[in-house]
Amino acid sequence: MSAVRRLPVVKDLTLVTAGAMTANVAGYLLQLLASRWLGTGGYSTFASLLAVQMLCAVPALALQNVVAREVVRDAPIAAARALTLRCAGLVAAAALMLTPLVSLVLHVSIAASAGALCTAPTLVLLAGEQGILQGRSRFRELATVLGGAAVIRVTPAVTLLAGGFGSAPALWAGAAGAAVAALIARRTADAAVAPRTGFGVIGRGDSTSGRSDFASDRTGAAAAEGISPRPASVGPVFEAAGTAFRTEATALGVAAVFRAVQVQAALTALSTADLLVSRIVLDENDAGRYALGAIAAKIAFWLPQAVGVVLYPRMAQPQHSARAMRSALAVLAGIGAVTVAGAAVAAPLAPMFAGPDYTPIEGLLWLFALEGALLAVLQAVLLSAIATDRTAPAAITWIGLGIGVTVMLTRAHTVLSLITVATVTAAATTLVITGVAWRATREGTDAPSPVPELGADGT
């Protein structure tokens, strides 16, 4: 990649990193404040429900990846939103059925369980709009949605916690904020992808919404690279054929999401299993300490989120997939090393923010961060699998999870032993899957493509 073409990628990474960091800071602030205001016992319940909420967000994450992949391949915006609505309906039904089960298993009230689960369908709606922006490489708008949605979700929950309300009201307030965020994301996506008429009026959008500018950017970049763009005379023929194919493919969109869910669910389960198991194998106070330590893992896991977000559209292009994944792994390894070192240095600050009850885990925060950094690498590899519609890596992840949870339940009875088993599980699973994926990339090609790297404005 030339220096000139690398600059827009750096700009996009910076924008998405800012949005993702805003979202992460908001989420971690909620957890830190909750840990102080609810105490170790109350925070253990709150953190477990947030973990369940994350598991229920798996369809949303999978949907965003599928929508982004298909939009990169010129799928209609209307079809993407129809798929989003179908998935939201399915998730709402599942959340309704799971509410009493979660209440029973985690020993929490029905109100708290419902508050955690009712957020799931609104997260699906939000993810659909984010997928549209990501697929169109509208990273400036995507960054705004990422950061803004998190702030809108977290602010009501923090307000109620500060007022002395418990977990259930805070979770319901967060759910209301998520609904508002989904509406704002829809308006943002409409403004970003809708074409303008000759009088400067934004059109309603159809199967080609927003594609005219995108296509012209492609043509100009292709000409600059010395690649002959598609002749205008044959454009309508290709567009007609493509539209017919996409209409047929979109009818099976839910199946594509289910395939992506297999991969995303495996990753999410692996990243949250230890926190859920802590409620079983540790006493209430140690489980609360473990939940706080898990924040370090989440920071290391989500901090480099922008790398996958920005490179994902290229992963979805066969001719660029191998190179994009190799670039992602290199960047994530560097970020992970810095994060683990930072966690070790900043560990003494944890009791200052969360309270003296959490002093026993101060020396273990680097280990939590290492687990998160390993999972971030695994996430990039699995994103590459979703981008190429492959689900085989999910099986390896589930096997690793099964072995890890078995060891956790039978051998881990302290905070140290539990995080050690979780980290070893993450390391072994990541190593195996990365090896398989690396072998696959060596068999791929990086042939020239008329699709540019990324535009100067993220398009």
Protein backbone atom coordinates (compact mmCIF):
# COMPACT_ATOMS: atom_id res chain seq x y z
CA MET A 1 0.00 0.00 0.00
CA SER A 2 1.52 3.34 -0.99
CA ALA A 3 1.94 6.17 1.51
CA VAL A 4 -0.68 8.24 -0.32
CA ARG A 5 -3.25 5.45 -0.17
CA ARG A 6 -2.39 4.61 3.43
CA LEU A 7 -3.37 8.05 4.75
CA PRO A 8 -7.16 7.65 4.28
CA VAL A 9 -7.01 4.31 6.09
CA VAL A 10 -5.24 5.94 9.04
CA LYS A 11 -7.88 8.68 9.04
CA ASP A 12 -10.70 6.13 9.05
CA LEU A 13 -9.02 4.14 11.82
CA THR A 14 -8.68 7.34 13.85
CA LEU A 15 -12.34 8.25 13.40
CA VAL A 16 -13.68 4.81 14.26
CA THR A 17 -11.24 4.46 17.15
CA ALA A 18 -12.55 7.73 18.59
CA GLY A 19 -16.14 6.53 18.28
CA ALA A 20 -15.36 3.09 19.68
CA MET A 21 -13.32 4.52 22.55
CA THR A 22 -16.18 6.85 23.43
CA ALA A 23 -18.48 3.83 23.52
CA ASN A 24 -16.03 1.82 25.59
CA VAL A 25 -15.36 4.62 28.06
CA ALA A 26 -19.10 5.07 28.53
CA GLY A 27 -19.56 1.35 29.13
CA TYR A 28 -16.64 1.05 31.52
CA LEU A 29 -17.72 4.17 33.40
CA LEU A 30 -21.10 2.55 33.95
CA GLN A 31 -19.46 -0.58 35.33
CA LEU A 32 -16.97 1.28 37.52
CA LEU A 33 -19.67 3.47 39.04
CA ALA A 34 -21.96 0.48 39.48
CA SER A 35 -19.18 -1.45 41.25
CA ARG A 36 -18.82 1.41 43.74
CA TRP A 37 -22.51 2.20 44.24
CA LEU A 38 -23.86 -1.37 44.32
CA GLY A 39 -21.06 -2.98 46.35
CA THR A 40 -19.37 -6.28 45.53
CA GLY A 41 -22.51 -8.37 45.95
CA GLY A 42 -24.85 -6.08 44.05
CA TYR A 43 -22.32 -5.47 41.31
CA SER A 44 -21.87 -9.21 40.77
CA THR A 45 -25.56 -9.42 39.86
CA PHE A 46 -25.40 -6.33 37.66
CA ALA A 47 -22.27 -7.54 35.83
CA SER A 48 -23.78 -10.98 35.22
CA LEU A 49 -26.87 -9.41 33.66
CA LEU A 50 -24.65 -7.23 31.46
CA ALA A 51 -22.87 -10.42 30.37
CA VAL A 52 -26.22 -11.99 29.48
CA GLN A 53 -27.08 -8.81 27.60
CA MET A 54 -23.87 -9.17 25.63
CA LEU A 55 -24.73 -12.76 24.76
CA CYS A 56 -28.15 -11.66 23.56
CA ALA A 57 -26.45 -9.00 21.42
CA VAL A 58 -24.76 -11.73 19.36
CA PRO A 59 -27.45 -11.62 16.63
CA ALA A 60 -26.95 -7.85 16.41
CA LEU A 61 -23.20 -8.19 15.92
CA ALA A 62 -23.70 -10.95 13.37
CA LEU A 63 -26.33 -8.93 11.53
CA GLN A 64 -24.04 -5.91 11.29
CA ASN A 65 -21.32 -8.05 9.74
CA VAL A 66 -23.71 -9.66 7.24
CA VAL A 67 -25.30 -6.34 6.27
CA ALA A 68 -21.89 -4.71 5.83
CA ARG A 69 -20.66 -7.63 3.72
CA GLU A 70 -23.69 -7.59 1.44
CA VAL A 71 -23.72 -3.79 1.12
CA VAL A 72 -20.08 -3.96 0.03
CA ARG A 73 -21.33 -6.34 -2.67
CA ASP A 74 -24.03 -3.84 -3.73
CA ALA A 75 -27.04 -5.28 -1.88
CA PRO A 76 -30.09 -2.93 -1.78
CA ILE A 77 -30.46 -0.80 1.34
CA ALA A 78 -34.18 -1.60 1.49
CA ALA A 79 -33.42 -5.32 1.54
CA ALA A 80 -30.85 -4.86 4.29
CA ARG A 81 -33.41 -3.05 6.44
CA ALA A 82 -36.07 -5.67 5.77
CA LEU A 83 -33.61 -8.30 6.98
CA THR A 84 -32.92 -6.18 10.06
CA LEU A 85 -36.62 -6.04 10.95
CA ARG A 86 -37.02 -9.80 10.56
CA CYS A 87 -34.04 -10.44 12.80
CA ALA A 88 -35.27 -7.95 15.41
CA GLY A 89 -38.61 -9.76 15.56
CA LEU A 90 -36.94 -13.13 16.05
CA VAL A 91 -34.66 -11.76 18.77
CA ALA A 92 -37.60 -10.13 20.58
CA ALA A 93 -39.43 -13.46 20.69
CA ALA A 94 -36.33 -15.25 21.97
CA ALA A 95 -35.75 -12.60 24.65
CA LEU A 96 -39.32 -12.98 25.88
CA MET A 97 -38.89 -16.73 26.29
CA LEU A 98 -35.47 -16.47 27.95
CA THR A 99 -36.46 -13.92 30.59
CA PRO A 100 -37.77 -16.39 33.23
CA LEU A 101 -34.90 -18.81 32.56
CA VAL A 102 -32.24 -16.14 33.14
CA SER A 103 -34.04 -15.06 36.31
CA LEU A 104 -33.98 -18.64 37.60
CA VAL A 105 -30.36 -19.45 36.69
CA LEU A 106 -28.79 -16.21 37.94
CA HIS A 107 -31.10 -15.84 40.96
CA VAL A 108 -32.27 -12.36 39.97
CA SER A 109 -35.72 -10.80 39.76
CA ILE A 110 -37.89 -11.08 36.67
CA ALA A 111 -37.79 -7.29 36.36
CA ALA A 112 -33.99 -7.24 36.25
CA SER A 113 -33.87 -10.13 33.80
CA ALA A 114 -36.43 -8.48 31.52
CA GLY A 115 -34.58 -5.17 31.70
CA ALA A 116 -31.39 -6.82 30.48
CA LEU A 117 -33.03 -8.83 27.70
CA CYS A 118 -35.44 -6.24 26.31
CA THR A 119 -32.46 -4.31 24.96
CA ALA A 120 -31.61 -7.11 22.52
CA PRO A 121 -34.08 -6.30 19.69
CA THR A 122 -33.25 -2.59 19.76
CA LEU A 123 -29.56 -3.47 19.49
CA VAL A 124 -30.42 -5.45 16.36
CA LEU A 125 -32.07 -2.40 14.82
CA LEU A 126 -29.06 -0.28 15.74
CA ALA A 127 -26.65 -2.85 14.31
CA GLY A 128 -28.47 -2.93 10.98
CA GLU A 129 -27.91 0.79 10.49
CA GLN A 130 -24.28 0.47 11.57
CA GLY A 131 -23.81 -2.30 9.02
CA ILE A 132 -25.14 -0.06 6.26
CA LEU A 133 -22.70 2.70 7.20
CA GLN A 134 -19.83 0.24 7.50
CA GLY A 135 -20.56 -1.41 4.16
CA ARG A 136 -20.64 1.97 2.46
CA SER A 137 -17.36 2.91 4.21
CA ARG A 138 -19.09 5.92 5.80
CA PHE A 139 -16.72 5.76 8.74
CA ARG A 140 -17.23 9.33 9.92
CA GLU A 141 -20.95 8.75 10.39
CA LEU A 142 -20.32 5.27 11.80
CA ALA A 143 -17.96 6.70 14.40
CA THR A 144 -20.63 9.22 15.42
CA VAL A 145 -23.22 6.48 15.81
CA LEU A 146 -20.87 4.20 17.76
CA GLY A 147 -19.99 6.86 20.30
CA GLY A 148 -23.33 8.62 20.44
CA ALA A 149 -25.38 5.45 20.86
CA ALA A 150 -23.29 4.33 23.82
CA VAL A 151 -23.61 7.68 25.57
CA ILE A 152 -27.37 7.72 25.01
CA ARG A 153 -27.67 4.18 26.42
CA VAL A 154 -25.42 4.67 29.43
CA THR A 155 -26.49 8.11 30.65
CA PRO A 156 -30.00 7.12 31.86
CA ALA A 157 -28.62 4.02 33.61
CA VAL A 158 -25.89 5.99 35.40
CA THR A 159 -28.43 8.62 36.42
CA LEU A 160 -30.67 6.06 38.11
CA LEU A 161 -27.75 4.30 39.79
CA ALA A 162 -26.56 7.65 41.14
CA GLY A 163 -30.04 8.22 42.53
CA GLY A 164 -29.84 5.02 44.56
CA PHE A 165 -31.95 2.83 42.31
CA GLY A 166 -30.96 -0.80 41.83
CA SER A 167 -29.95 -2.96 38.88
CA ALA A 168 -33.42 -3.45 37.40
CA PRO A 169 -34.35 0.25 36.97
CA ALA A 170 -30.89 0.99 35.57
CA LEU A 171 -31.19 -1.79 33.00
CA TRP A 172 -34.64 -0.59 31.93
CA ALA A 173 -33.32 2.95 31.57
CA GLY A 174 -30.49 1.65 29.41
CA ALA A 175 -33.01 -0.18 27.23
CA ALA A 176 -34.96 3.04 26.67
CA GLY A 177 -31.74 4.79 25.72
CA ALA A 178 -30.93 2.03 23.23
CA ALA A 179 -34.30 2.54 21.52
CA VAL A 180 -33.62 6.26 21.12
CA ALA A 181 -30.14 5.50 19.80
CA ALA A 182 -31.57 3.15 17.16
CA LEU A 183 -33.89 5.89 15.87
CA ILE A 184 -31.04 8.40 15.66
CA ALA A 185 -28.85 5.84 13.85
CA ARG A 186 -31.59 5.35 11.26
CA ARG A 187 -31.73 9.08 10.55
CA THR A 188 -27.94 9.26 10.36
CA ALA A 189 -27.76 6.40 7.88
CA ASP A 190 -30.55 7.92 5.76
CA ALA A 191 -28.65 11.18 5.51
CA ALA A 192 -25.37 9.42 4.73
CA VAL A 193 -26.47 7.07 1.94
CA ALA A 194 -29.49 8.74 0.29
CA PRO A 195 -28.71 10.23 -3.15
CA ARG A 196 -29.37 13.90 -3.85
CA THR A 197 -31.42 15.13 -6.77
CA GLY A 198 -30.41 17.92 -9.11
CA PHE A 199 -32.20 20.40 -6.83
CA GLY A 200 -30.25 19.18 -3.80
CA VAL A 201 -33.18 17.24 -2.35
CA ILE A 202 -32.38 13.98 -0.64
CA GLY A 203 -34.23 11.12 -2.27
CA ARG A 204 -35.99 8.36 -0.43
CA GLY A 205 -33.62 5.65 -1.64
CA ASP A 206 -34.19 2.32 -3.31
CA SER A 207 -32.05 -0.56 -4.50
CA THR A 208 -29.43 1.89 -5.67
CA SER A 209 -29.57 4.32 -2.77
CA GLY A 210 -26.27 6.02 -2.38
CA ARG A 211 -24.57 3.95 -5.02
CA SER A 212 -24.12 6.65 -7.64
CA ASP A 213 -21.50 8.58 -5.66
CA PHE A 214 -19.91 5.36 -4.48
CA ALA A 215 -19.68 4.03 -8.01
CA SER A 216 -18.17 7.24 -9.33
CA ASP A 217 -15.55 7.10 -6.58
CA ARG A 218 -14.69 3.59 -7.67
CA THR A 219 -14.38 4.57 -11.30
CA GLY A 220 -12.14 7.53 -10.56
CA ALA A 221 -9.90 5.50 -8.29
CA ALA A 222 -9.70 2.70 -10.83
CA ALA A 223 -8.64 5.12 -13.55
CA ALA A 224 -6.00 6.57 -11.25
CA GLU A 225 -4.64 3.08 -10.70
CA GLY A 226 -4.47 2.43 -14.43
CA ILE A 227 -7.33 -0.06 -14.35
CA SER A 228 -9.98 0.23 -17.01
CA PRO A 229 -13.38 0.82 -15.44
CA ARG A 230 -16.43 -1.06 -16.67
CA PRO A 231 -17.71 0.48 -19.93
CA ALA A 232 -20.75 2.66 -19.37
CA SER A 233 -22.59 0.95 -22.20
CA VAL A 234 -22.66 -2.37 -20.41
CA GLY A 235 -23.42 -0.86 -17.00
CA PRO A 236 -27.21 -1.30 -17.17
CA VAL A 237 -26.79 -4.95 -18.16
CA PHE A 238 -24.57 -5.69 -15.17
CA GLU A 239 -26.79 -3.66 -12.84
CA ALA A 240 -29.94 -5.48 -13.98
CA ALA A 241 -28.32 -8.87 -13.58
CA GLY A 242 -26.85 -7.90 -10.22
CA THR A 243 -30.17 -6.61 -8.93
CA ALA A 244 -31.95 -9.82 -9.91
CA PHE A 245 -29.28 -11.90 -8.20
CA ARG A 246 -29.30 -9.76 -5.07
CA THR A 247 -33.08 -9.90 -4.77
CA GLU A 248 -32.95 -13.70 -4.81
CA ALA A 249 -30.03 -13.82 -2.37
CA THR A 250 -31.63 -11.41 0.06
CA ALA A 251 -34.64 -13.73 0.42
CA LEU A 252 -32.25 -16.08 2.22
CA GLY A 253 -30.79 -13.28 4.34
CA VAL A 254 -31.87 -14.71 7.68
CA ALA A 255 -29.98 -17.92 6.89
CA ALA A 256 -26.86 -15.86 6.23
CA VAL A 257 -27.29 -14.17 9.61
CA PHE A 258 -27.70 -17.53 11.33
CA ARG A 259 -24.42 -18.69 9.80
CA ALA A 260 -22.71 -15.55 11.06
CA VAL A 261 -24.36 -16.00 14.47
CA GLN A 262 -22.61 -19.36 14.81
CA VAL A 263 -19.25 -17.64 14.53
CA GLN A 264 -20.14 -14.57 16.58
CA ALA A 265 -21.82 -16.62 19.30
CA ALA A 266 -18.73 -18.77 19.72
CA LEU A 267 -16.56 -15.69 20.22
CA THR A 268 -19.02 -14.00 22.58
CA ALA A 269 -19.49 -17.15 24.64
CA LEU A 270 -15.73 -17.59 24.96
CA SER A 271 -15.29 -13.96 26.04
CA THR A 272 -18.03 -14.06 28.69
CA ALA A 273 -17.96 -17.65 29.96
CA ASP A 274 -15.47 -17.01 32.76
CA LEU A 275 -17.54 -14.11 34.13
CA LEU A 276 -20.66 -16.27 34.21
CA VAL A 277 -18.79 -19.22 35.72
CA SER A 278 -17.40 -16.93 38.44
CA ARG A 279 -20.92 -16.69 39.85
CA ILE A 280 -20.89 -20.47 40.27
CA VAL A 281 -17.38 -21.31 41.51
CA LEU A 282 -16.53 -18.19 43.56
CA ASP A 283 -18.17 -16.66 46.61
CA GLU A 284 -20.14 -13.45 46.18
CA ASN A 285 -17.30 -11.08 47.06
CA ASP A 286 -14.71 -12.81 44.89
CA ALA A 287 -17.22 -12.94 42.03
CA GLY A 288 -17.61 -9.18 42.34
CA ARG A 289 -13.83 -8.72 42.28
CA TYR A 290 -13.58 -10.97 39.26
CA ALA A 291 -16.25 -8.90 37.53
CA LEU A 292 -14.18 -5.76 38.06
CA GLY A 293 -11.04 -7.48 36.77
CA ALA A 294 -12.99 -8.54 33.72
CA ILE A 295 -13.29 -4.86 32.81
CA ALA A 296 -9.56 -4.92 31.99
CA ALA A 297 -10.20 -7.88 29.69
CA LYS A 298 -13.03 -6.02 28.00
CA ILE A 299 -10.87 -2.93 27.51
CA ALA A 300 -8.15 -5.00 25.84
CA PHE A 301 -10.78 -6.80 23.78
CA TRP A 302 -12.70 -3.78 22.52
CA LEU A 303 -9.95 -1.14 22.40
CA PRO A 304 -8.73 -2.18 18.92
CA GLN A 305 -12.28 -2.60 17.59
CA ALA A 306 -11.67 -0.01 14.88
CA VAL A 307 -9.12 -2.24 13.17
CA GLY A 308 -11.71 -4.88 12.33
CA VAL A 309 -14.41 -2.32 11.52
CA VAL A 310 -12.29 -0.44 8.97
CA LEU A 311 -10.65 -3.48 7.37
CA TYR A 312 -13.82 -5.60 7.27
CA PRO A 313 -15.09 -4.20 3.92
CA ARG A 314 -11.77 -5.30 2.39
CA MET A 315 -12.03 -8.69 4.06
CA ALA A 316 -15.34 -9.10 2.22
CA GLN A 317 -13.55 -8.68 -1.13
CA PRO A 318 -11.88 -12.01 -2.04
CA GLN A 319 -8.96 -10.35 -3.80
CA HIS A 320 -8.11 -8.31 -0.68
CA SER A 321 -9.21 -10.64 2.15
CA ALA A 322 -5.85 -12.29 2.84
CA ARG A 323 -3.90 -9.05 2.97
CA ALA A 324 -6.53 -7.35 5.14
CA MET A 325 -6.45 -10.16 7.69
CA ARG A 326 -2.65 -10.19 7.85
CA SER A 327 -2.64 -6.43 8.41
CA ALA A 328 -5.25 -6.75 11.15
CA LEU A 329 -3.29 -9.44 13.00
CA ALA A 330 -0.08 -7.40 12.92
CA VAL A 331 -1.78 -4.28 14.28
CA LEU A 332 -3.71 -6.18 16.95
CA ALA A 333 -0.58 -7.93 18.22
CA GLY A 334 1.10 -4.56 18.74
CA ILE A 335 -1.92 -2.98 20.42
CA GLY A 336 -2.32 -6.03 22.65
CA ALA A 337 1.26 -5.85 23.89
CA VAL A 338 0.87 -2.17 24.76
CA THR A 339 -2.46 -2.81 26.52
CA VAL A 340 -1.08 -5.61 28.71
CA ALA A 341 1.89 -3.46 29.70
CA GLY A 342 -0.43 -0.54 30.43
CA ALA A 343 -2.63 -2.71 32.64
CA ALA A 344 0.39 -3.82 34.66
CA VAL A 345 1.57 -0.24 35.18
CA ALA A 346 -1.86 1.22 35.96
CA ALA A 347 -2.98 -1.63 38.25
CA PRO A 348 -2.41 0.33 41.50
CA LEU A 349 -5.02 2.85 40.39
CA ALA A 350 -7.84 0.27 40.34
CA PRO A 351 -8.59 0.35 44.10
CA MET A 352 -8.56 4.15 44.01
CA PHE A 353 -11.42 4.20 41.51
CA ALA A 354 -13.38 1.11 42.54
CA GLY A 355 -12.67 1.04 46.27
CA PRO A 356 -10.38 -0.88 48.66
CA ASP A 357 -12.48 -4.05 48.41
CA TYR A 358 -10.89 -4.71 45.01
CA THR A 359 -7.24 -4.50 46.17
CA PRO A 360 -6.78 -8.33 46.04
CA ILE A 361 -7.02 -8.36 42.22
CA GLU A 362 -4.63 -5.46 41.64
CA GLY A 363 -1.74 -7.75 40.67
CA LEU A 364 -3.90 -9.79 38.28
CA LEU A 365 -5.14 -7.03 36.01
CA TRP A 366 -2.37 -7.66 33.45
CA LEU A 367 -3.57 -11.26 33.16
CA PHE A 368 -7.14 -10.10 32.53
CA ALA A 369 -5.79 -7.71 29.88
CA LEU A 370 -3.83 -10.54 28.24
CA GLU A 371 -7.00 -12.59 27.95
CA GLY A 372 -8.76 -9.67 26.27
CA ALA A 373 -5.86 -9.04 23.88
CA LEU A 374 -5.87 -12.68 22.78
CA LEU A 375 -9.62 -12.55 22.21
CA ALA A 376 -9.18 -9.40 20.09
CA VAL A 377 -6.87 -11.34 17.77
CA LEU A 378 -9.37 -14.19 17.67
CA GLN A 379 -12.12 -11.72 16.81
CA ALA A 380 -10.21 -10.47 13.76
CA VAL A 381 -9.73 -14.01 12.48
CA LEU A 382 -13.42 -14.83 12.97
CA LEU A 383 -14.46 -11.57 11.28
CA SER A 384 -12.47 -12.67 8.27
CA ALA A 385 -14.41 -15.93 8.30
CA ILE A 386 -17.75 -14.10 8.38
CA ALA A 387 -16.61 -11.77 5.60
CA THR A 388 -16.04 -14.78 3.34
CA ASP A 389 -19.16 -16.61 4.64
CA ARG A 390 -17.19 -19.42 6.28
CA THR A 391 -18.38 -20.95 9.57
CA ALA A 392 -15.86 -23.76 10.13
CA PRO A 393 -13.73 -21.76 12.64
CA ALA A 394 -16.76 -21.58 14.93
CA ALA A 395 -16.49 -25.32 15.59
CA ILE A 396 -12.92 -24.95 16.87
CA THR A 397 -13.99 -22.10 19.14
CA TRP A 398 -16.85 -24.13 20.60
CA ILE A 399 -14.49 -27.04 21.29
CA GLY A 400 -12.06 -24.73 23.06
CA LEU A 401 -14.91 -23.21 25.05
CA GLY A 402 -16.22 -26.61 26.11
CA ILE A 403 -12.82 -27.73 27.36
CA GLY A 404 -12.18 -24.42 29.10
CA VAL A 405 -15.53 -24.31 30.91
CA THR A 406 -15.12 -27.91 32.05
CA VAL A 407 -11.76 -27.07 33.62
CA MET A 408 -13.16 -23.87 35.15
CA LEU A 409 -16.02 -25.71 36.81
CA THR A 410 -13.86 -28.53 38.17
CA ARG A 411 -10.50 -26.91 38.95
CA ALA A 412 -10.95 -23.14 39.34
CA HIS A 413 -11.99 -22.06 42.83
CA THR A 414 -10.05 -18.80 43.23
CA VAL A 415 -9.83 -15.61 41.20
CA LEU A 416 -6.27 -16.47 40.14
CA SER A 417 -7.05 -20.01 39.01
CA LEU A 418 -10.16 -18.91 37.13
CA ILE A 419 -8.48 -16.13 35.13
CA THR A 420 -5.49 -18.42 34.46
CA VAL A 421 -7.72 -21.09 32.95
CA ALA A 422 -9.65 -18.48 30.96
CA THR A 423 -6.43 -16.97 29.57
CA VAL A 424 -4.93 -20.34 28.64
CA THR A 425 -8.20 -21.28 26.93
CA ALA A 426 -8.19 -18.04 24.93
CA ALA A 427 -4.53 -18.49 23.98
CA ALA A 428 -4.89 -22.09 22.81
CA THR A 429 -8.08 -21.41 20.84
CA THR A 430 -6.63 -18.29 19.22
CA LEU A 431 -3.41 -20.09 18.28
CA VAL A 432 -5.20 -23.00 16.62
CA ILE A 433 -7.72 -20.88 14.70
CA THR A 434 -5.10 -18.35 13.61
CA GLY A 435 -2.94 -21.19 12.30
CA VAL A 436 -5.84 -22.56 10.28
CA ALA A 437 -6.73 -19.12 8.95
CA TRP A 438 -3.11 -18.28 8.12
CA ARG A 439 -2.86 -21.44 6.05
CA ALA A 440 -6.03 -20.43 4.22
CA THR A 441 -4.67 -16.95 3.47
CA ARG A 442 -1.56 -18.42 1.87
CA GLU A 443 -3.83 -20.19 -0.59
CA GLY A 444 -5.69 -16.93 -1.36
CA THR A 445 -4.75 -14.28 -3.87
CA ASP A 446 -4.36 -10.53 -3.71
CA ALA A 447 -5.12 -9.78 -7.33
CA PRO A 448 -5.60 -6.15 -8.44
CA SER A 449 -9.13 -4.87 -8.07
CA PRO A 450 -10.97 -1.82 -9.41
CA VAL A 451 -12.21 -1.23 -5.87
CA PRO A 452 -10.03 1.45 -4.21
CA GLU A 453 -8.49 1.09 -0.76
CA LEU A 454 -10.67 3.74 0.94
CA GLY A 455 -11.60 7.23 -0.13
CA ALA A 456 -10.17 10.34 1.44
CA ASP A 457 -13.49 11.00 3.10
CA GLY A 458 -14.02 7.41 4.14
CA THR A 459 -16.06 6.47 1.05
